[in-house]
Amino acid sequence: MIQSPAIMYFSALSAALLLVAAPALANPATESVHTVEEGETLRGIANRAGVEPSVIAAVNGLVEPYDVQKGQKLAIPRQRVHTVKSGDTLGGLANRYGVAQSNLAVANNISEPYSLHVGQKLIIPAMITARIRPQAPRKVPYFRRPHDGPVMLGFGSGHDGIDIETGMGDMIRAAASGTVVFAAPEKTRFGRQVLIDHGNGWQTSYGHLSRITVSKGELVKVGERIGLSGDAGIATRPELHFEIRHNGRDIDPASKLPARGN
């Protein structure tokens, strides 16, 4: 059916009015503070902003698994790129650009001893002036497996954790983000042990390490190396004795850890 000119005019006018009335969607690519919309994720926001998710998470005090909620305000750090030249050091670049060395390291996934190489491109996160209240710690941490080996001995019958089969010198990772509260030889059973406090009464323990690579008081992120596996203490082969505790009570790690391979 052929529409009359009048109908066509009013249809076009209505469409134009709808376009004018529709609110413009927020664009993280140009914002300094982004208000989370329904269905958005941190990774999606970061992709549109052109900023690494870990950088946005660090600035806003987000913890794993980096959940964001509608209405939450996120500071979006605008950033620059620096190409490393001969003689550049991470500390020197942090002073030059006026950013914390720790933020510079996080933004570029650089760990101690903070080695750089000529031609390397570094993200320089901008200083954040917006005051964003950090996300409150999760009541129950998001735990990941500290090592992907099979469980040799499970929880229960007087066994307060699980024993995980490892190779000598394998990397052992923090099962959740937190603060190291013990990192030293433990003479009665574990040889070398690390304890991490995750807040709200949650702690994890890592025993039989051949080497400890963190220090007491150090902040660690989930998945970060905290030591190397071994057979220290009463172990007869390389293994990791892993425990989860809540308010001093032992919790079966199998009830909190993802399935092996996930």
C-alpha atoms as a PDB file:
ATOM      1  CA  MET A   1       0.000   0.000   0.000  1.00  0.00           C
ATOM      2  CA  ILE A   2       1.297   3.432  -0.950  1.00  0.00           C
ATOM      3  CA  GLN A   3       1.418   5.870   1.994  1.00  0.00           C
ATOM      4  CA  SER A   4       0.253   9.445   1.603  1.00  0.00           C
ATOM      5  CA  PRO A   5       2.831  12.243   1.838  1.00  0.00           C
ATOM      6  CA  ALA A   6       1.265  13.337   5.152  1.00  0.00           C
ATOM      7  CA  ILE A   7       1.656   9.898   6.716  1.00  0.00           C
ATOM      8  CA  MET A   8       5.222   9.615   5.440  1.00  0.00           C
ATOM      9  CA  TYR A   9       6.028  13.063   6.888  1.00  0.00           C
ATOM     10  CA  PHE A  10       4.668  12.260  10.350  1.00  0.00           C
ATOM     11  CA  SER A  11       6.403   8.845  10.363  1.00  0.00           C
ATOM     12  CA  ALA A  12       9.732  10.498   9.591  1.00  0.00           C
ATOM     13  CA  LEU A  13       9.061  13.199  12.189  1.00  0.00           C
ATOM     14  CA  SER A  14       8.234  10.610  14.862  1.00  0.00           C
ATOM     15  CA  ALA A  15      11.431   8.690  14.133  1.00  0.00           C
ATOM     16  CA  ALA A  16      13.469  11.890  14.374  1.00  0.00           C
ATOM     17  CA  LEU A  17      11.843  12.801  17.706  1.00  0.00           C
ATOM     18  CA  LEU A  18      12.606   9.331  19.064  1.00  0.00           C
ATOM     19  CA  LEU A  19      16.260   9.742  18.106  1.00  0.00           C
ATOM     20  CA  VAL A  20      16.416  13.111  19.825  1.00  0.00           C
ATOM     21  CA  ALA A  21      14.614  11.881  22.929  1.00  0.00           C
ATOM     22  CA  ALA A  22      16.689   8.714  23.312  1.00  0.00           C
ATOM     23  CA  PRO A  23      19.482   9.273  25.846  1.00  0.00           C
ATOM     24  CA  ALA A  24      22.992   8.844  24.516  1.00  0.00           C
ATOM     25  CA  LEU A  25      24.656   5.723  25.830  1.00  0.00           C
ATOM     26  CA  ALA A  26      27.633   6.322  28.102  1.00  0.00           C
ATOM     27  CA  ASN A  27      30.920   5.838  26.314  1.00  0.00           C
ATOM     28  CA  PRO A  28      33.814   4.532  28.445  1.00  0.00           C
ATOM     29  CA  ALA A  29      36.236   5.557  25.685  1.00  0.00           C
ATOM     30  CA  THR A  30      35.851   9.213  26.694  1.00  0.00           C
ATOM     31  CA  GLU A  31      34.680   9.042  30.316  1.00  0.00           C
ATOM     32  CA  SER A  32      36.769   9.503  33.437  1.00  0.00           C
ATOM     33  CA  VAL A  33      34.017   7.920  35.560  1.00  0.00           C
ATOM     34  CA  HIS A  34      31.666   5.290  34.120  1.00  0.00           C
ATOM     35  CA  THR A  35      28.320   4.295  35.656  1.00  0.00           C
ATOM     36  CA  VAL A  36      27.740   0.588  35.080  1.00  0.00           C
ATOM     37  CA  GLU A  37      24.674  -0.223  32.961  1.00  0.00           C
ATOM     38  CA  GLU A  38      22.530  -3.354  33.109  1.00  0.00           C
ATOM     39  CA  GLY A  39      24.377  -6.360  31.700  1.00  0.00           C
ATOM     40  CA  GLU A  40      27.820  -4.734  31.510  1.00  0.00           C
ATOM     41  CA  THR A  41      30.978  -6.563  32.591  1.00  0.00           C
ATOM     42  CA  LEU A  42      34.344  -5.181  33.605  1.00  0.00           C
ATOM     43  CA  ARG A  43      35.980  -6.737  30.532  1.00  0.00           C
ATOM     44  CA  GLY A  44      33.405  -5.210  28.202  1.00  0.00           C
ATOM     45  CA  ILE A  45      33.800  -1.776  29.790  1.00  0.00           C
ATOM     46  CA  ALA A  46      37.597  -2.104  29.644  1.00  0.00           C
ATOM     47  CA  ASN A  47      37.521  -3.110  25.962  1.00  0.00           C
ATOM     48  CA  ARG A  48      35.445  -0.053  25.044  1.00  0.00           C
ATOM     49  CA  ALA A  49      37.597   2.204  27.225  1.00  0.00           C
ATOM     50  CA  GLY A  50      40.824   0.879  25.718  1.00  0.00           C
ATOM     51  CA  VAL A  51      42.188   0.222  29.215  1.00  0.00           C
ATOM     52  CA  GLU A  52      43.366  -3.114  30.643  1.00  0.00           C
ATOM     53  CA  PRO A  53      40.740  -4.663  32.983  1.00  0.00           C
ATOM     54  CA  SER A  54      43.404  -5.170  35.666  1.00  0.00           C
ATOM     55  CA  VAL A  55      44.162  -1.438  35.661  1.00  0.00           C
ATOM     56  CA  ILE A  56      40.509  -0.470  36.161  1.00  0.00           C
ATOM     57  CA  ALA A  57      40.202  -3.156  38.849  1.00  0.00           C
ATOM     58  CA  ALA A  58      43.283  -1.886  40.706  1.00  0.00           C
ATOM     59  CA  VAL A  59      42.142   1.748  40.613  1.00  0.00           C
ATOM     60  CA  ASN A  60      38.663   0.913  41.910  1.00  0.00           C
ATOM     61  CA  GLY A  61      39.687  -1.661  44.510  1.00  0.00           C
ATOM     62  CA  LEU A  62      37.857  -4.511  42.762  1.00  0.00           C
ATOM     63  CA  VAL A  63      38.603  -8.069  43.824  1.00  0.00           C
ATOM     64  CA  GLU A  64      38.282 -11.332  41.921  1.00  0.00           C
ATOM     65  CA  PRO A  65      36.144 -12.273  40.079  1.00  0.00           C
ATOM     66  CA  TYR A  66      35.678  -8.558  39.306  1.00  0.00           C
ATOM     67  CA  ASP A  67      31.873  -8.480  39.438  1.00  0.00           C
ATOM     68  CA  VAL A  68      30.302  -5.097  38.697  1.00  0.00           C
ATOM     69  CA  GLN A  69      26.697  -4.064  39.344  1.00  0.00           C
ATOM     70  CA  LYS A  70      24.265  -1.679  37.709  1.00  0.00           C
ATOM     71  CA  GLY A  71      24.707   1.827  39.073  1.00  0.00           C
ATOM     72  CA  GLN A  72      28.245   1.214  40.342  1.00  0.00           C
ATOM     73  CA  LYS A  73      30.659   4.032  39.481  1.00  0.00           C
ATOM     74  CA  LEU A  74      34.068   3.079  38.096  1.00  0.00           C
ATOM     75  CA  ALA A  75      37.003   5.441  37.633  1.00  0.00           C
ATOM     76  CA  ILE A  76      38.429   4.987  34.123  1.00  0.00           C
ATOM     77  CA  PRO A  77      42.160   5.835  34.089  1.00  0.00           C
ATOM     78  CA  ARG A  78      43.199   7.540  30.890  1.00  0.00           C
ATOM     79  CA  GLN A  79      46.630   6.346  29.907  1.00  0.00           C
ATOM     80  CA  ARG A  80      49.661   6.962  27.724  1.00  0.00           C
ATOM     81  CA  VAL A  81      52.265   4.681  26.174  1.00  0.00           C
ATOM     82  CA  HIS A  82      56.026   4.927  26.706  1.00  0.00           C
ATOM     83  CA  THR A  83      58.601   3.119  24.562  1.00  0.00           C
ATOM     84  CA  VAL A  84      61.492   1.998  26.751  1.00  0.00           C
ATOM     85  CA  LYS A  85      64.863   3.554  25.919  1.00  0.00           C
ATOM     86  CA  SER A  86      68.340   2.603  27.059  1.00  0.00           C
ATOM     87  CA  GLY A  87      68.786   3.458  30.745  1.00  0.00           C
ATOM     88  CA  ASP A  88      65.066   3.535  31.578  1.00  0.00           C
ATOM     89  CA  THR A  89      64.020   1.906  34.842  1.00  0.00           C
ATOM     90  CA  LEU A  90      60.539   1.291  36.171  1.00  0.00           C
ATOM     91  CA  GLY A  91      61.181   3.490  39.196  1.00  0.00           C
ATOM     92  CA  GLY A  92      62.571   6.291  37.048  1.00  0.00           C
ATOM     93  CA  LEU A  93      59.588   6.164  34.691  1.00  0.00           C
ATOM     94  CA  ALA A  94      57.197   6.161  37.643  1.00  0.00           C
ATOM     95  CA  ASN A  95      58.825   9.374  38.921  1.00  0.00           C
ATOM     96  CA  ARG A  96      58.842  10.947  35.450  1.00  0.00           C
ATOM     97  CA  TYR A  97      55.150  10.327  34.828  1.00  0.00           C
ATOM     98  CA  GLY A  98      54.022  10.904  38.409  1.00  0.00           C
ATOM     99  CA  VAL A  99      52.511   7.462  39.004  1.00  0.00           C
ATOM    100  CA  ALA A 100      53.164   4.859  41.662  1.00  0.00           C
ATOM    101  CA  GLN A 101      55.708   2.229  40.646  1.00  0.00           C
ATOM    102  CA  SER A 102      53.298  -0.483  41.866  1.00  0.00           C
ATOM    103  CA  ASN A 103      50.529   0.841  39.581  1.00  0.00           C
ATOM    104  CA  LEU A 104      52.951   0.938  36.662  1.00  0.00           C
ATOM    105  CA  ALA A 105      53.967  -2.658  37.357  1.00  0.00           C
ATOM    106  CA  VAL A 106      50.343  -3.848  37.603  1.00  0.00           C
ATOM    107  CA  ALA A 107      49.342  -2.034  34.400  1.00  0.00           C
ATOM    108  CA  ASN A 108      52.081  -3.825  32.472  1.00  0.00           C
ATOM    109  CA  ASN A 109      52.059  -7.189  34.274  1.00  0.00           C
ATOM    110  CA  ILE A 110      55.674  -6.723  35.381  1.00  0.00           C
ATOM    111  CA  SER A 111      56.952  -8.498  38.480  1.00  0.00           C
ATOM    112  CA  GLU A 112      60.126  -8.014  40.487  1.00  0.00           C
ATOM    113  CA  PRO A 113      62.951  -7.357  39.766  1.00  0.00           C
ATOM    114  CA  TYR A 114      61.072  -5.085  37.296  1.00  0.00           C
ATOM    115  CA  SER A 115      63.390  -5.712  34.326  1.00  0.00           C
ATOM    116  CA  LEU A 116      62.750  -3.698  31.146  1.00  0.00           C
ATOM    117  CA  HIS A 117      64.105  -4.040  27.622  1.00  0.00           C
ATOM    118  CA  VAL A 118      64.720  -1.400  24.954  1.00  0.00           C
ATOM    119  CA  GLY A 119      61.730  -1.011  22.647  1.00  0.00           C
ATOM    120  CA  GLN A 120      59.241  -2.388  25.170  1.00  0.00           C
ATOM    121  CA  LYS A 121      55.973  -0.425  25.174  1.00  0.00           C
ATOM    122  CA  LEU A 122      54.642   0.419  28.615  1.00  0.00           C
ATOM    123  CA  ILE A 123      51.149   1.586  29.510  1.00  0.00           C
ATOM    124  CA  ILE A 124      51.389   4.708  31.697  1.00  0.00           C
ATOM    125  CA  PRO A 125      48.170   4.886  33.741  1.00  0.00           C
ATOM    126  CA  ALA A 126      46.960   8.394  34.438  1.00  0.00           C
ATOM    127  CA  MET A 127      46.619   9.815  37.929  1.00  0.00           C
ATOM    128  CA  ILE A 128      43.042   9.438  39.135  1.00  0.00           C
ATOM    129  CA  THR A 129      41.409  12.517  40.635  1.00  0.00           C
ATOM    130  CA  ALA A 130      37.920  11.060  40.990  1.00  0.00           C
ATOM    131  CA  ARG A 131      37.302   9.590  44.432  1.00  0.00           C
ATOM    132  CA  ILE A 132      35.669   6.200  44.009  1.00  0.00           C
ATOM    133  CA  ARG A 133      34.829   4.155  47.070  1.00  0.00           C
ATOM    134  CA  PRO A 134      36.541   0.754  46.770  1.00  0.00           C
ATOM    135  CA  GLN A 135      34.353  -2.296  46.364  1.00  0.00           C
ATOM    136  CA  ALA A 136      33.802  -4.052  49.671  1.00  0.00           C
ATOM    137  CA  PRO A 137      35.673  -7.355  50.062  1.00  0.00           C
ATOM    138  CA  ARG A 138      33.617 -10.458  49.241  1.00  0.00           C
ATOM    139  CA  LYS A 139      32.221 -12.233  52.283  1.00  0.00           C
ATOM    140  CA  VAL A 140      33.370 -15.512  50.732  1.00  0.00           C
ATOM    141  CA  PRO A 141      36.501 -15.197  48.538  1.00  0.00           C
ATOM    142  CA  TYR A 142      36.571 -16.505  45.006  1.00  0.00           C
ATOM    143  CA  PHE A 143      39.070 -19.383  45.258  1.00  0.00           C
ATOM    144  CA  ARG A 144      41.116 -20.859  42.411  1.00  0.00           C
ATOM    145  CA  ARG A 145      43.311 -23.953  42.482  1.00  0.00           C
ATOM    146  CA  PRO A 146      46.834 -23.240  43.814  1.00  0.00           C
ATOM    147  CA  HIS A 147      48.195 -26.015  41.565  1.00  0.00           C
ATOM    148  CA  ASP A 148      46.564 -28.117  38.836  1.00  0.00           C
ATOM    149  CA  GLY A 149      47.923 -31.483  40.015  1.00  0.00           C
ATOM    150  CA  PRO A 150      45.645 -34.342  41.131  1.00  0.00           C
ATOM    151  CA  VAL A 151      44.614 -34.671  44.768  1.00  0.00           C
ATOM    152  CA  MET A 152      46.566 -37.458  46.467  1.00  0.00           C
ATOM    153  CA  LEU A 153      44.790 -37.271  49.824  1.00  0.00           C
ATOM    154  CA  GLY A 154      41.476 -35.566  50.485  1.00  0.00           C
ATOM    155  CA  PHE A 155      39.933 -33.776  53.445  1.00  0.00           C
ATOM    156  CA  GLY A 156      38.638 -35.535  56.552  1.00  0.00           C
ATOM    157  CA  SER A 157      39.422 -38.249  59.105  1.00  0.00           C
ATOM    158  CA  GLY A 158      41.917 -35.996  60.866  1.00  0.00           C
ATOM    159  CA  HIS A 159      43.357 -34.597  57.630  1.00  0.00           C
ATOM    160  CA  ASP A 160      42.719 -30.844  57.747  1.00  0.00           C
ATOM    161  CA  GLY A 161      43.339 -30.060  54.070  1.00  0.00           C
ATOM    162  CA  ILE A 162      44.201 -31.753  50.791  1.00  0.00           C
ATOM    163  CA  ASP A 163      47.528 -33.002  49.451  1.00  0.00           C
ATOM    164  CA  ILE A 164      48.105 -32.135  45.795  1.00  0.00           C
ATOM    165  CA  GLU A 165      50.632 -33.979  43.652  1.00  0.00           C
ATOM    166  CA  THR A 166      53.261 -31.636  42.172  1.00  0.00           C
ATOM    167  CA  GLY A 167      56.604 -31.697  40.434  1.00  0.00           C
ATOM    168  CA  MET A 168      59.661 -30.445  42.286  1.00  0.00           C
ATOM    169  CA  GLY A 169      59.866 -26.656  41.892  1.00  0.00           C
ATOM    170  CA  ASP A 170      56.395 -26.218  40.349  1.00  0.00           C
ATOM    171  CA  MET A 171      54.839 -22.781  40.772  1.00  0.00           C
ATOM    172  CA  ILE A 172      52.362 -22.501  43.650  1.00  0.00           C
ATOM    173  CA  ARG A 173      49.838 -19.674  43.314  1.00  0.00           C
ATOM    174  CA  ALA A 174      47.662 -17.742  45.742  1.00  0.00           C
ATOM    175  CA  ALA A 175      44.186 -19.293  45.769  1.00  0.00           C
ATOM    176  CA  ALA A 176      42.636 -15.862  46.413  1.00  0.00           C
ATOM    177  CA  SER A 177      43.789 -12.285  46.875  1.00  0.00           C
ATOM    178  CA  GLY A 178      44.902 -11.263  50.338  1.00  0.00           C
ATOM    179  CA  THR A 179      47.730 -10.413  52.743  1.00  0.00           C
ATOM    180  CA  VAL A 180      50.572 -12.773  53.612  1.00  0.00           C
ATOM    181  CA  VAL A 181      50.530 -13.273  57.404  1.00  0.00           C
ATOM    182  CA  PHE A 182      53.162 -16.034  57.638  1.00  0.00           C
ATOM    183  CA  ALA A 183      55.984 -16.954  55.266  1.00  0.00           C
ATOM    184  CA  ALA A 184      58.717 -18.925  57.014  1.00  0.00           C
ATOM    185  CA  PRO A 185      59.931 -22.404  58.028  1.00  0.00           C
ATOM    186  CA  GLU A 186      57.384 -24.390  60.049  1.00  0.00           C
ATOM    187  CA  LYS A 187      59.238 -27.011  62.094  1.00  0.00           C
ATOM    188  CA  THR A 188      56.514 -29.425  63.175  1.00  0.00           C
ATOM    189  CA  ARG A 189      55.059 -30.574  59.844  1.00  0.00           C
ATOM    190  CA  PHE A 190      55.202 -28.384  56.747  1.00  0.00           C
ATOM    191  CA  GLY A 191      58.864 -27.433  56.433  1.00  0.00           C
ATOM    192  CA  ARG A 192      58.200 -24.146  54.646  1.00  0.00           C
ATOM    193  CA  GLN A 193      54.738 -22.634  54.839  1.00  0.00           C
ATOM    194  CA  VAL A 194      52.795 -19.596  53.633  1.00  0.00           C
ATOM    195  CA  LEU A 195      49.561 -18.352  55.221  1.00  0.00           C
ATOM    196  CA  ILE A 196      47.379 -15.779  53.433  1.00  0.00           C
ATOM    197  CA  ASP A 197      44.567 -13.807  55.078  1.00  0.00           C
ATOM    198  CA  HIS A 198      41.672 -13.009  52.716  1.00  0.00           C
ATOM    199  CA  GLY A 199      39.514 -10.977  55.097  1.00  0.00           C
ATOM    200  CA  ASN A 200      36.210 -11.808  56.810  1.00  0.00           C
ATOM    201  CA  GLY A 201      37.867 -14.674  58.704  1.00  0.00           C
ATOM    202  CA  TRP A 202      39.118 -16.578  55.630  1.00  0.00           C
ATOM    203  CA  GLN A 203      42.689 -17.907  55.368  1.00  0.00           C
ATOM    204  CA  THR A 204      44.570 -20.342  53.149  1.00  0.00           C
ATOM    205  CA  SER A 205      47.698 -22.354  53.980  1.00  0.00           C
ATOM    206  CA  TYR A 206      50.383 -23.750  51.660  1.00  0.00           C
ATOM    207  CA  GLY A 207      52.869 -26.296  53.008  1.00  0.00           C
ATOM    208  CA  HIS A 208      55.919 -28.399  51.987  1.00  0.00           C
ATOM    209  CA  LEU A 209      57.311 -25.609  49.782  1.00  0.00           C
ATOM    210  CA  SER A 210      60.863 -25.864  48.470  1.00  0.00           C
ATOM    211  CA  ARG A 211      61.053 -22.079  48.304  1.00  0.00           C
ATOM    212  CA  ILE A 212      58.953 -19.154  49.542  1.00  0.00           C
ATOM    213  CA  THR A 213      58.754 -16.184  47.148  1.00  0.00           C
ATOM    214  CA  VAL A 214      56.636 -13.758  49.217  1.00  0.00           C
ATOM    215  CA  SER A 215      57.171 -11.980  52.517  1.00  0.00           C
ATOM    216  CA  LYS A 216      55.005 -11.401  55.572  1.00  0.00           C
ATOM    217  CA  GLY A 217      52.827  -8.320  55.105  1.00  0.00           C
ATOM    218  CA  GLU A 218      52.924  -8.508  51.294  1.00  0.00           C
ATOM    219  CA  LEU A 219      49.701  -8.066  49.321  1.00  0.00           C
ATOM    220  CA  VAL A 220      49.150 -10.803  46.740  1.00  0.00           C
ATOM    221  CA  LYS A 221      46.590 -11.185  43.973  1.00  0.00           C
ATOM    222  CA  VAL A 222      44.734 -14.383  43.132  1.00  0.00           C
ATOM    223  CA  GLY A 223      46.912 -16.518  40.864  1.00  0.00           C
ATOM    224  CA  GLU A 224      50.148 -14.773  41.874  1.00  0.00           C
ATOM    225  CA  ARG A 225      53.144 -16.979  42.694  1.00  0.00           C
ATOM    226  CA  ILE A 226      53.740 -17.383  46.422  1.00  0.00           C
ATOM    227  CA  GLY A 227      56.318 -20.177  46.332  1.00  0.00           C
ATOM    228  CA  LEU A 228      57.685 -23.304  44.659  1.00  0.00           C
ATOM    229  CA  SER A 229      56.550 -26.817  45.479  1.00  0.00           C
ATOM    230  CA  GLY A 230      58.798 -29.318  47.222  1.00  0.00           C
ATOM    231  CA  ASP A 231      59.061 -32.035  49.850  1.00  0.00           C
ATOM    232  CA  ALA A 232      60.005 -29.946  52.893  1.00  0.00           C
ATOM    233  CA  GLY A 233      58.853 -31.087  56.313  1.00  0.00           C
ATOM    234  CA  ILE A 234      57.385 -34.547  56.662  1.00  0.00           C
ATOM    235  CA  ALA A 235      56.592 -34.972  52.945  1.00  0.00           C
ATOM    236  CA  THR A 236      58.232 -37.947  51.230  1.00  0.00           C
ATOM    237  CA  ARG A 237      57.729 -36.625  47.690  1.00  0.00           C
ATOM    238  CA  PRO A 238      56.986 -33.240  46.047  1.00  0.00           C
ATOM    239  CA  GLU A 239      53.487 -32.185  47.050  1.00  0.00           C
ATOM    240  CA  LEU A 240      51.422 -29.241  48.238  1.00  0.00           C
ATOM    241  CA  HIS A 241      49.446 -29.453  51.452  1.00  0.00           C
ATOM    242  CA  PHE A 242      46.645 -26.905  51.011  1.00  0.00           C
ATOM    243  CA  GLU A 243      44.115 -25.756  53.601  1.00  0.00           C
ATOM    244  CA  ILE A 244      41.181 -23.351  53.702  1.00  0.00           C
ATOM    245  CA  ARG A 245      40.053 -22.011  57.081  1.00  0.00           C
ATOM    246  CA  HIS A 246      37.173 -19.787  58.145  1.00  0.00           C
ATOM    247  CA  ASN A 247      37.277 -18.226  61.595  1.00  0.00           C
ATOM    248  CA  GLY A 248      39.844 -20.858  62.577  1.00  0.00           C
ATOM    249  CA  ARG A 249      37.718 -23.805  61.393  1.00  0.00           C
ATOM    250  CA  ASP A 250      39.014 -26.112  58.666  1.00  0.00           C
ATOM    251  CA  ILE A 251      36.904 -26.126  55.473  1.00  0.00           C
ATOM    252  CA  ASP A 252      37.026 -28.880  52.860  1.00  0.00           C
ATOM    253  CA  PRO A 253      38.871 -27.223  49.941  1.00  0.00           C
ATOM    254  CA  ALA A 254      36.896 -29.365  47.492  1.00  0.00           C
ATOM    255  CA  SER A 255      33.764 -27.426  48.459  1.00  0.00           C
ATOM    256  CA  LYS A 256      35.344 -24.098  47.420  1.00  0.00           C
ATOM    257  CA  LEU A 257      37.759 -24.890  44.579  1.00  0.00           C
ATOM    258  CA  PRO A 258      36.724 -25.187  40.924  1.00  0.00           C
ATOM    259  CA  ALA A 259      37.007 -28.588  39.297  1.00  0.00           C
ATOM    260  CA  ARG A 260      40.473 -29.539  38.124  1.00  0.00           C
ATOM    261  CA  GLY A 261      41.232 -28.037  34.715  1.00  0.00           C
ATOM    262  CA  ASN A 262      38.787 -25.116  35.204  1.00  0.00           C
END
